[in-house]
Amino acid sequence: MNLARELSLKKIEEIQHNLEGENVETEVFIHGSVCFSYSGRCAISDYLTGRMANRGECTQPCRWNYALMEEKRPGQYFPVFEDNRGLYLFNSRDLALFPFVPELVRCGVASLKIEGRMKNVHYLAAVLSVYRAVLDGKDTPQETAYKLLGRVSNRGYSFGFMKGEITPDDYETGTHKYQSTSVMVASTTEQIHNGQRICEVKNTIYAGEKLELLTPDGVSDYTLPNPLTTIDGNNFDHANNQDTIVLKDDLPPYTVLRRVTDAVTHY
């Protein structure tokens, strides 16, 4: 049974208590984009684009930029914007409920849902890594969790209804655009060549560059070899998208290599 995201932790605990002895498993949405409407009631995507949110096809029109037009003055747009990019009437912060995970597990919630539809590998790996650590009982301070979740595209984070009510900080400044503090530049594969891990380049990288690794065991610093070496044994001072190189260290397969940056804005 999927529990509505409008429920507080207290309400979920009450539901779980009332379900004791029943053969019913519950699921709670804990991380990702939040619809401006109450669960299951948004029809904007269907109306504007013909893609229905309730069928998993939402185009997220509540993230679009809107302007105000008076009915008797068609074509005249009035300045109701919050900044010079416009007004984002329906835009909320992303949901991030990692501090509540231990309590949700304790009270008997069987499944924790994380948004994955239309998300890339880096997003999924980064977010799942944080929640896996929390589920495994690893010490994960909130500051550290927010830092790691900030590595991937987000609009700021909120506890939403889980804390009992919606407050201004669920919608306040900074939520109108996506930002991240890293860029995925490469990932390792399952393949080994002469004892070295094969790595697929996704973005330009440079020999000797300092990157951050995201592996199943967590996050660590990493320095690329100098020079970079291809499978054929050729050496280069940089590699570009779709190039394939080998790394001296036997890194786990599907390790994400990312370049940490200042906040990058994604419109």
Protein backbone atom coordinates (compact mmCIF):
# COMPACT_ATOMS: atom_id res chain seq x y z
CA MET A 1 0.00 0.00 0.00
CA ASN A 2 1.44 3.37 -1.07
CA LEU A 3 1.05 5.95 1.67
CA ALA A 4 0.34 9.53 0.57
CA ARG A 5 3.25 11.95 0.84
CA GLU A 6 0.93 14.35 2.72
CA LEU A 7 1.22 12.16 5.83
CA SER A 8 3.39 13.15 8.77
CA LEU A 9 5.66 10.72 10.58
CA LYS A 10 3.15 10.65 13.44
CA LYS A 11 0.30 9.69 11.08
CA ILE A 12 2.42 6.98 9.46
CA GLU A 13 3.22 5.55 12.88
CA GLU A 14 -0.50 5.45 13.67
CA ILE A 15 -1.26 3.68 10.39
CA GLN A 16 1.48 1.13 10.99
CA HIS A 17 0.18 0.49 14.51
CA ASN A 18 -3.33 -0.11 13.17
CA LEU A 19 -1.97 -2.53 10.55
CA GLU A 20 -0.24 -4.75 13.08
CA GLY A 21 -1.26 -8.36 12.50
CA GLU A 22 -2.49 -7.59 8.98
CA ASN A 23 -0.74 -8.90 5.87
CA VAL A 24 -0.25 -5.42 4.41
CA GLU A 25 3.06 -3.86 3.37
CA THR A 26 3.41 -0.10 3.10
CA GLU A 27 5.59 2.14 0.95
CA VAL A 28 6.65 5.74 1.59
CA PHE A 29 8.08 8.20 -0.97
CA ILE A 30 11.25 9.60 0.61
CA HIS A 31 13.26 11.42 -2.06
CA GLY A 32 12.77 13.36 -5.29
CA SER A 33 10.66 15.95 -7.08
CA VAL A 34 7.42 16.93 -5.38
CA CYS A 35 4.22 17.79 -7.24
CA PHE A 36 2.68 21.12 -6.24
CA SER A 37 -0.74 19.45 -6.08
CA TYR A 38 -2.10 16.97 -3.58
CA SER A 39 -1.25 13.40 -4.49
CA GLY A 40 -3.06 12.11 -7.56
CA ARG A 41 -4.89 15.34 -8.34
CA CYS A 42 -2.63 17.15 -10.82
CA ALA A 43 -3.98 17.45 -14.37
CA ILE A 44 -1.75 20.26 -15.68
CA SER A 45 0.61 17.98 -17.60
CA ASP A 46 -2.30 16.21 -19.29
CA TYR A 47 -3.99 19.53 -20.13
CA LEU A 48 -0.88 21.24 -21.54
CA THR A 49 0.97 18.35 -23.16
CA GLY A 50 -1.38 15.36 -23.33
CA ARG A 51 0.86 13.37 -20.98
CA MET A 52 -0.87 12.15 -17.82
CA ALA A 53 0.91 12.41 -14.48
CA ASN A 54 -1.09 9.51 -13.04
CA ARG A 55 0.33 7.26 -15.75
CA GLY A 56 3.92 8.19 -14.97
CA GLU A 57 4.21 10.56 -17.94
CA CYS A 58 4.36 13.92 -16.15
CA THR A 59 6.31 16.62 -18.00
CA GLN A 60 6.63 18.58 -14.72
CA PRO A 61 4.95 21.80 -15.93
CA CYS A 62 4.95 23.09 -12.35
CA ARG A 63 8.71 23.64 -12.87
CA TRP A 64 8.06 25.98 -15.82
CA ASN A 65 8.25 29.75 -15.74
CA TYR A 66 4.87 31.55 -15.61
CA ALA A 67 3.70 35.14 -16.03
CA LEU A 68 0.44 36.85 -15.03
CA MET A 69 -1.99 38.07 -17.72
CA GLU A 70 -5.19 39.97 -16.95
CA GLU A 71 -8.28 38.56 -18.72
CA LYS A 72 -9.26 41.79 -20.51
CA ARG A 73 -5.68 42.61 -21.56
CA PRO A 74 -4.60 39.61 -23.64
CA GLY A 75 -0.94 39.59 -24.54
CA GLN A 76 0.06 41.96 -21.74
CA TYR A 77 2.20 40.24 -19.15
CA PHE A 78 2.44 41.85 -15.73
CA PRO A 79 5.62 42.01 -13.61
CA VAL A 80 4.86 39.59 -10.77
CA PHE A 81 8.26 37.89 -10.91
CA GLU A 82 10.39 37.10 -7.88
CA ASP A 83 13.62 37.68 -9.82
CA ASN A 84 14.65 38.65 -13.33
CA ARG A 85 13.91 35.15 -14.65
CA GLY A 86 10.23 35.09 -13.77
CA LEU A 87 7.80 33.68 -11.24
CA TYR A 88 7.70 29.97 -10.47
CA LEU A 89 4.23 29.74 -8.97
CA PHE A 90 4.10 26.02 -8.25
CA ASN A 91 7.73 25.11 -7.71
CA SER A 92 8.66 23.33 -4.47
CA ARG A 93 11.95 22.06 -3.17
CA ASP A 94 12.85 18.41 -3.68
CA LEU A 95 11.97 15.96 -0.93
CA ALA A 96 14.83 14.48 1.12
CA LEU A 97 13.72 12.40 4.11
CA PHE A 98 16.97 10.64 5.02
CA PRO A 99 16.78 11.78 8.71
CA PHE A 100 13.39 10.04 9.02
CA VAL A 101 14.48 6.70 7.51
CA PRO A 102 15.42 5.01 10.83
CA GLU A 103 12.02 5.88 12.32
CA LEU A 104 10.14 4.76 9.20
CA VAL A 105 11.94 1.42 9.32
CA ARG A 106 11.38 1.09 13.06
CA CYS A 107 7.62 1.59 12.77
CA GLY A 108 7.36 -1.10 10.07
CA VAL A 109 7.37 0.63 6.66
CA ALA A 110 8.36 -2.10 4.18
CA SER A 111 9.48 -0.06 1.16
CA LEU A 112 11.13 3.33 0.68
CA LYS A 113 10.58 4.92 -2.73
CA ILE A 114 13.18 7.14 -4.41
CA GLU A 115 12.43 8.98 -7.65
CA GLY A 116 14.26 7.32 -10.52
CA ARG A 117 12.12 7.93 -13.59
CA MET A 118 14.02 9.88 -16.25
CA LYS A 119 17.04 10.24 -13.95
CA ASN A 120 20.60 9.50 -15.07
CA VAL A 121 23.07 6.99 -13.65
CA HIS A 122 24.95 9.60 -11.63
CA TYR A 123 21.77 10.82 -9.92
CA LEU A 124 20.66 7.32 -8.99
CA ALA A 125 24.09 6.26 -7.76
CA ALA A 126 24.59 9.38 -5.63
CA VAL A 127 21.15 9.37 -4.02
CA LEU A 128 21.02 5.62 -3.41
CA SER A 129 24.50 5.73 -1.88
CA VAL A 130 23.34 8.18 0.81
CA TYR A 131 20.18 6.25 1.67
CA ARG A 132 21.99 2.91 1.62
CA ALA A 133 24.42 4.26 4.20
CA VAL A 134 21.55 5.47 6.39
CA LEU A 135 19.75 2.11 6.11
CA ASP A 136 22.96 0.29 7.01
CA GLY A 137 23.29 2.37 10.16
CA LYS A 138 26.45 4.19 9.08
CA ASP A 139 27.11 7.50 10.77
CA THR A 140 25.80 10.05 8.26
CA PRO A 141 25.55 13.59 9.67
CA GLN A 142 22.93 15.77 8.01
CA GLU A 143 25.59 18.18 6.78
CA THR A 144 27.43 15.32 5.05
CA ALA A 145 24.24 13.91 3.55
CA TYR A 146 23.20 17.28 2.15
CA LYS A 147 26.69 17.79 0.71
CA LEU A 148 26.58 14.43 -1.10
CA LEU A 149 22.99 14.92 -2.28
CA GLY A 150 24.04 18.34 -3.58
CA ARG A 151 26.46 16.63 -5.97
CA VAL A 152 23.52 15.90 -8.29
CA SER A 153 20.86 18.15 -9.79
CA ASN A 154 18.36 19.44 -7.21
CA ARG A 155 16.26 22.50 -6.33
CA GLY A 156 17.13 22.54 -2.65
CA TYR A 157 15.70 20.06 -0.17
CA SER A 158 12.72 19.88 2.16
CA PHE A 159 11.14 17.53 4.71
CA GLY A 160 7.69 18.34 3.29
CA PHE A 161 4.68 17.03 5.20
CA MET A 162 6.78 14.51 7.11
CA LYS A 163 7.49 17.14 9.76
CA GLY A 164 3.76 17.74 10.25
CA GLU A 165 3.05 20.76 8.05
CA ILE A 166 4.30 22.71 5.06
CA THR A 167 6.30 25.80 6.00
CA PRO A 168 7.77 28.70 3.95
CA ASP A 169 11.17 27.04 3.72
CA ASP A 170 9.58 24.33 1.55
CA TYR A 171 9.15 26.91 -1.21
CA GLU A 172 11.50 29.82 -0.46
CA THR A 173 14.34 31.29 -2.51
CA GLY A 174 16.65 29.14 -4.55
CA THR A 175 14.06 26.56 -5.52
CA HIS A 176 13.33 27.87 -9.01
CA LYS A 177 16.32 26.27 -10.70
CA TYR A 178 18.27 23.05 -10.57
CA GLN A 179 21.83 23.11 -9.22
CA SER A 180 24.58 20.59 -8.57
CA THR A 181 28.16 20.70 -7.28
CA SER A 182 29.68 18.01 -9.48
CA VAL A 183 29.78 16.72 -13.03
CA MET A 184 30.08 13.03 -13.89
CA VAL A 185 33.08 12.63 -16.20
CA ALA A 186 33.59 8.85 -16.46
CA SER A 187 32.51 5.44 -15.15
CA THR A 188 34.23 2.08 -14.94
CA THR A 189 32.86 -1.05 -16.61
CA GLU A 190 32.86 -4.74 -15.71
CA GLN A 191 35.72 -5.36 -18.14
CA ILE A 192 39.37 -5.89 -17.19
CA HIS A 193 42.22 -5.48 -19.71
CA ASN A 194 45.65 -6.82 -18.70
CA GLY A 195 44.73 -6.47 -15.04
CA GLN A 196 43.47 -2.93 -15.48
CA ARG A 197 39.90 -1.67 -15.19
CA ILE A 198 38.36 -0.34 -18.40
CA CYS A 199 36.82 3.11 -17.99
CA GLU A 200 34.39 4.90 -20.33
CA VAL A 201 34.83 8.67 -20.56
CA LYS A 202 31.64 10.77 -20.45
CA ASN A 203 33.17 14.25 -20.37
CA THR A 204 36.62 15.66 -21.05
CA ILE A 205 39.18 14.58 -18.42
CA TYR A 206 42.85 15.48 -18.00
CA ALA A 207 45.87 13.44 -17.01
CA GLY A 208 46.74 13.93 -13.34
CA GLU A 209 43.38 15.58 -12.61
CA LYS A 210 41.98 15.22 -9.11
CA LEU A 211 38.46 13.75 -9.10
CA GLU A 212 36.00 12.24 -6.65
CA LEU A 213 35.03 8.58 -6.76
CA LEU A 214 31.59 7.24 -5.93
CA THR A 215 31.73 3.48 -5.28
CA PRO A 216 29.48 1.02 -3.44
CA ASP A 217 31.66 1.68 -0.38
CA GLY A 218 31.19 5.44 -0.46
CA VAL A 219 33.05 8.53 -1.63
CA SER A 220 36.80 9.07 -1.86
CA ASP A 221 39.36 11.26 -3.62
CA TYR A 222 41.18 10.00 -6.69
CA THR A 223 43.92 11.30 -8.99
CA LEU A 224 43.90 10.22 -12.62
CA PRO A 225 47.12 8.64 -13.92
CA ASN A 226 49.51 10.76 -15.92
CA PRO A 227 49.48 10.10 -18.83
CA LEU A 228 46.08 8.58 -19.61
CA THR A 229 46.37 5.26 -21.42
CA THR A 230 44.02 3.67 -23.96
CA ILE A 231 43.41 -0.07 -24.37
CA ASP A 232 45.82 0.01 -27.31
CA GLY A 233 48.58 1.36 -25.09
CA ASN A 234 48.58 4.88 -26.49
CA ASN A 235 49.23 7.72 -24.07
CA PHE A 236 47.39 11.07 -23.98
CA ASP A 237 47.22 14.15 -21.78
CA HIS A 238 43.43 14.23 -21.97
CA ALA A 239 40.47 12.11 -23.09
CA ASN A 240 37.08 13.12 -24.47
CA ASN A 241 33.52 11.83 -24.43
CA GLN A 242 33.20 8.24 -25.75
CA ASP A 243 36.93 7.57 -25.35
CA THR A 244 37.92 4.40 -23.49
CA ILE A 245 40.90 4.28 -21.15
CA VAL A 246 42.37 1.88 -18.58
CA LEU A 247 43.05 2.76 -14.96
CA LYS A 248 45.94 1.36 -12.98
CA ASP A 249 43.88 0.84 -9.86
CA ASP A 250 41.43 -2.07 -9.90
CA LEU A 251 38.40 0.06 -9.16
CA PRO A 252 35.01 -1.65 -8.67
CA PRO A 253 32.83 -1.88 -11.79
CA TYR A 254 30.35 0.98 -12.29
CA THR A 255 32.41 3.37 -10.19
CA VAL A 256 31.40 6.96 -10.95
CA LEU A 257 34.23 9.45 -11.45
CA ARG A 258 33.08 13.03 -11.02
CA ARG A 259 34.58 16.51 -11.04
CA VAL A 260 33.59 18.57 -8.01
CA THR A 261 32.75 22.17 -8.89
CA ASP A 262 31.14 25.26 -7.52
CA ALA A 263 27.36 25.20 -7.90
CA VAL A 264 26.40 24.57 -11.51
CA THR A 265 23.00 25.88 -12.59
CA HIS A 266 20.76 23.76 -14.82
CA TYR A 267 17.81 25.67 -16.30
